[in-house]
Amino acid sequence: MADKKGFEAALKKLEKAVSKLEDGELSLDQSLRVFSDGVEHAEVCRQSLQQVELQVEQLLKQADGTLQAEAFDDEQ
C-alpha cells in the first residue's frame, strides 16, 4: 500500500515550494534549489498516486481479467 504519510508530507513540501517560488522573494540560486526540491517532492507524489492507481485496478479486476468501471463518488 502507498505510504499515505509520505504522500501527504511530500505534498505539503511541494505546496510550500510553490508558495516560495510564487512569492518572488528568492534569489535565482535559491529559486533553483527550491524548484529542484519541488521536483523531487512531485516525483514522490506521482509514484504514490501511481501505486494507488494500480491497487485500485487490481481491486476492480474481474475474474475474467477485465476491469469493471465504477463511478467515483468523492463524498463517501
Protein backbone atom coordinates (compact mmCIF):
# COMPACT_ATOMS: atom_id res chain seq x y z
CA MET A 1 0.00 0.00 0.00
CA ALA A 2 1.23 3.52 -0.74
CA ASP A 3 2.61 5.43 2.21
CA LYS A 4 -0.12 7.97 2.99
CA LYS A 5 2.06 9.94 5.40
CA GLY A 6 4.88 10.04 2.84
CA PHE A 7 2.50 11.32 0.18
CA GLU A 8 0.96 13.94 2.44
CA ALA A 9 4.36 15.14 3.68
CA ALA A 10 5.69 15.39 0.12
CA LEU A 11 2.55 17.23 -1.00
CA LYS A 12 2.89 19.78 1.82
CA LYS A 13 6.56 20.34 0.96
CA LEU A 14 5.63 20.73 -2.70
CA GLU A 15 2.95 23.28 -1.80
CA LYS A 16 5.48 25.23 0.30
CA ALA A 17 7.97 25.20 -2.58
CA VAL A 18 5.33 26.53 -4.97
CA SER A 19 4.37 29.25 -2.50
CA LYS A 20 8.01 30.34 -2.07
CA LEU A 21 8.51 30.45 -5.83
CA GLU A 22 5.30 32.42 -6.35
CA ASP A 23 6.33 35.00 -3.74
CA GLY A 24 9.21 36.04 -5.97
CA GLU A 25 11.41 36.94 -2.99
CA LEU A 26 14.11 34.31 -3.64
CA SER A 27 17.38 34.82 -5.44
CA LEU A 28 17.97 32.88 -8.63
CA ASP A 29 20.13 30.31 -6.79
CA GLN A 30 17.55 29.91 -4.03
CA SER A 31 14.78 29.57 -6.60
CA LEU A 32 16.71 26.84 -8.38
CA ARG A 33 17.21 24.91 -5.12
CA VAL A 34 13.56 25.26 -4.14
CA PHE A 35 12.46 24.23 -7.64
CA SER A 36 14.76 21.19 -7.57
CA ASP A 37 13.38 20.13 -4.19
CA GLY A 38 9.85 20.63 -5.50
CA VAL A 39 10.54 18.36 -8.46
CA GLU A 40 11.69 15.64 -6.04
CA HIS A 41 8.56 16.04 -3.91
CA ALA A 42 6.37 15.95 -7.02
CA GLU A 43 8.01 12.68 -8.03
CA VAL A 44 7.25 11.15 -4.62
CA CYS A 45 3.61 12.21 -5.03
CA ARG A 46 3.47 10.85 -8.59
CA GLN A 47 4.88 7.49 -7.52
CA SER A 48 2.47 7.24 -4.58
CA LEU A 49 -0.52 8.02 -6.79
CA GLN A 50 0.66 5.50 -9.38
CA GLN A 51 0.84 2.79 -6.70
CA VAL A 52 -2.66 3.59 -5.52
CA GLU A 53 -3.96 3.53 -9.09
CA LEU A 54 -2.50 0.06 -9.60
CA GLN A 55 -4.06 -1.15 -6.37
CA VAL A 56 -7.47 0.19 -7.37
CA GLU A 57 -7.20 -1.50 -10.77
CA GLN A 58 -6.32 -4.79 -9.10
CA LEU A 59 -9.27 -4.48 -6.74
CA LEU A 60 -11.67 -3.76 -9.60
CA LYS A 61 -10.36 -6.50 -11.88
CA GLN A 62 -13.00 -9.10 -12.64
CA ALA A 63 -12.46 -12.85 -12.58
CA ASP A 64 -12.04 -12.90 -16.38
CA GLY A 65 -9.32 -10.23 -16.21
CA THR A 66 -11.41 -7.33 -17.45
CA LEU A 67 -11.77 -4.17 -15.42
CA GLN A 68 -15.12 -3.17 -14.00
CA ALA A 69 -15.64 0.58 -14.32
CA GLU A 70 -17.30 2.11 -11.28
CA ALA A 71 -18.35 5.68 -10.64
CA PHE A 72 -16.14 7.52 -8.21
CA ASP A 73 -18.08 9.42 -5.58
CA ASP A 74 -15.71 11.58 -3.52
CA GLU A 75 -18.41 12.35 -0.92
CA GLN A 76 -18.28 8.86 0.56
